[in-house]
Amino acid sequence: MGIEHWTKTNKPLRIMRVEMVPISMVHPHEAVIGHEVEEFCNSLTNKGVFYRPILLDSNTYVVLDGHHRYPLFLSITKTMR
């Protein structure tokens, strides 16, 4: 599922701006694998927290990373309305 494993001494430095945008502005462009979405859902249910946001292009809001997280967050926002 694209999970990165890093040791405490071999961890890349990542500096990025984090911004919340409405899910309706997000544009996915890849098909997702159903069981990976289900695995993420189970992980989120068990841990109660997620560590990696959906990464978007800052101009177009096209999903660069997080295609399997997007459907879950989309369904969560629909149930919150």
C-alpha atoms as a PDB file:
ATOM      1  CA  MET A   1       0.000   0.000   0.000  1.00  0.00           C
ATOM      2  CA  GLY A   2       2.902   2.358  -0.472  1.00  0.00           C
ATOM      3  CA  ILE A   3       3.885   2.267   3.197  1.00  0.00           C
ATOM      4  CA  GLU A   4       7.361   3.659   3.741  1.00  0.00           C
ATOM      5  CA  HIS A   5       9.577   2.189   6.419  1.00  0.00           C
ATOM      6  CA  TRP A   6      12.314   4.426   7.798  1.00  0.00           C
ATOM      7  CA  THR A   7      14.643   4.055  10.727  1.00  0.00           C
ATOM      8  CA  LYS A   8      14.982   6.925  13.169  1.00  0.00           C
ATOM      9  CA  THR A   9      18.388   7.784  11.729  1.00  0.00           C
ATOM     10  CA  ASN A  10      17.463   7.312   8.071  1.00  0.00           C
ATOM     11  CA  LYS A  11      14.388   9.493   7.823  1.00  0.00           C
ATOM     12  CA  PRO A  12      14.055  12.007   4.988  1.00  0.00           C
ATOM     13  CA  LEU A  13      13.326  15.613   5.867  1.00  0.00           C
ATOM     14  CA  ARG A  14      10.062  16.751   4.332  1.00  0.00           C
ATOM     15  CA  ILE A  15       8.920  20.313   4.584  1.00  0.00           C
ATOM     16  CA  MET A  16       5.598  21.091   2.984  1.00  0.00           C
ATOM     17  CA  ARG A  17       2.673  23.402   3.407  1.00  0.00           C
ATOM     18  CA  VAL A  18      -0.415  21.678   4.736  1.00  0.00           C
ATOM     19  CA  GLU A  19      -3.764  23.164   3.851  1.00  0.00           C
ATOM     20  CA  MET A  20      -7.312  21.922   4.298  1.00  0.00           C
ATOM     21  CA  VAL A  21      -9.495  22.079   1.182  1.00  0.00           C
ATOM     22  CA  PRO A  22     -13.089  20.956   0.666  1.00  0.00           C
ATOM     23  CA  ILE A  23     -13.257  17.363  -0.597  1.00  0.00           C
ATOM     24  CA  SER A  24     -15.445  18.616  -3.460  1.00  0.00           C
ATOM     25  CA  MET A  25     -12.397  20.440  -4.886  1.00  0.00           C
ATOM     26  CA  VAL A  26     -10.286  17.260  -5.053  1.00  0.00           C
ATOM     27  CA  HIS A  27      -9.828  15.577  -8.451  1.00  0.00           C
ATOM     28  CA  PRO A  28      -8.785  11.909  -8.403  1.00  0.00           C
ATOM     29  CA  HIS A  29      -7.398  10.543 -11.648  1.00  0.00           C
ATOM     30  CA  GLU A  30      -6.555   6.887 -10.966  1.00  0.00           C
ATOM     31  CA  ALA A  31      -8.634   3.803 -10.389  1.00  0.00           C
ATOM     32  CA  VAL A  32      -8.410   2.355  -6.892  1.00  0.00           C
ATOM     33  CA  ILE A  33      -8.072  -1.220  -5.722  1.00  0.00           C
ATOM     34  CA  GLY A  34     -11.048  -2.073  -3.510  1.00  0.00           C
ATOM     35  CA  HIS A  35      -9.228  -4.224  -0.974  1.00  0.00           C
ATOM     36  CA  GLU A  36      -6.614  -1.488  -0.398  1.00  0.00           C
ATOM     37  CA  VAL A  37      -9.376   1.011   0.413  1.00  0.00           C
ATOM     38  CA  GLU A  38     -10.829  -1.586   2.791  1.00  0.00           C
ATOM     39  CA  GLU A  39      -7.414  -2.136   4.424  1.00  0.00           C
ATOM     40  CA  PHE A  40      -7.021   1.614   4.951  1.00  0.00           C
ATOM     41  CA  CYS A  41     -10.528   1.796   6.399  1.00  0.00           C
ATOM     42  CA  ASN A  42      -9.720  -1.032   8.835  1.00  0.00           C
ATOM     43  CA  SER A  43      -6.454   0.645   9.813  1.00  0.00           C
ATOM     44  CA  LEU A  44      -8.209   3.947  10.438  1.00  0.00           C
ATOM     45  CA  THR A  45     -10.899   2.205  12.491  1.00  0.00           C
ATOM     46  CA  ASN A  46      -8.332   0.333  14.598  1.00  0.00           C
ATOM     47  CA  LYS A  47      -5.911   3.215  15.149  1.00  0.00           C
ATOM     48  CA  GLY A  48      -8.390   6.080  15.150  1.00  0.00           C
ATOM     49  CA  VAL A  49      -5.902   8.332  13.390  1.00  0.00           C
ATOM     50  CA  PHE A  50      -4.177   8.610  10.034  1.00  0.00           C
ATOM     51  CA  TYR A  51      -0.723   9.999   9.467  1.00  0.00           C
ATOM     52  CA  ARG A  52      -0.532  10.836   5.784  1.00  0.00           C
ATOM     53  CA  PRO A  53      -2.866  13.382   4.220  1.00  0.00           C
ATOM     54  CA  ILE A  54      -3.939  13.241   0.597  1.00  0.00           C
ATOM     55  CA  LEU A  55      -1.251  15.022  -1.419  1.00  0.00           C
ATOM     56  CA  LEU A  56      -2.674  17.377  -4.074  1.00  0.00           C
ATOM     57  CA  ASP A  57      -1.259  19.546  -6.808  1.00  0.00           C
ATOM     58  CA  SER A  58      -1.470  23.068  -5.371  1.00  0.00           C
ATOM     59  CA  ASN A  59      -2.927  24.570  -8.556  1.00  0.00           C
ATOM     60  CA  THR A  60      -5.347  21.943  -9.848  1.00  0.00           C
ATOM     61  CA  TYR A  61      -6.093  19.875  -6.699  1.00  0.00           C
ATOM     62  CA  VAL A  62      -5.412  16.687  -8.660  1.00  0.00           C
ATOM     63  CA  VAL A  63      -4.498  13.817  -6.331  1.00  0.00           C
ATOM     64  CA  LEU A  64      -0.769  13.065  -6.458  1.00  0.00           C
ATOM     65  CA  ASP A  65      -0.731  10.626  -3.543  1.00  0.00           C
ATOM     66  CA  GLY A  66      -3.667   9.216  -1.615  1.00  0.00           C
ATOM     67  CA  HIS A  67      -5.950   7.728  -4.249  1.00  0.00           C
ATOM     68  CA  HIS A  68      -6.966   4.964  -1.848  1.00  0.00           C
ATOM     69  CA  ARG A  69      -7.621   7.434   0.987  1.00  0.00           C
ATOM     70  CA  TYR A  70      -9.822   9.692  -1.152  1.00  0.00           C
ATOM     71  CA  PRO A  71     -12.895   7.369  -1.433  1.00  0.00           C
ATOM     72  CA  LEU A  72     -12.922   6.809   2.328  1.00  0.00           C
ATOM     73  CA  PHE A  73     -12.730  10.528   3.105  1.00  0.00           C
ATOM     74  CA  LEU A  74     -15.393  11.212   0.493  1.00  0.00           C
ATOM     75  CA  SER A  75     -17.754   8.722   2.152  1.00  0.00           C
ATOM     76  CA  ILE A  76     -16.989  10.132   5.612  1.00  0.00           C
ATOM     77  CA  THR A  77     -17.872  13.665   4.501  1.00  0.00           C
ATOM     78  CA  LYS A  78     -21.159  12.428   3.022  1.00  0.00           C
ATOM     79  CA  THR A  79     -22.153  10.769   6.298  1.00  0.00           C
ATOM     80  CA  MET A  80     -21.302  13.940   8.255  1.00  0.00           C
ATOM     81  CA  ARG A  81     -23.819  16.059   6.336  1.00  0.00           C
END
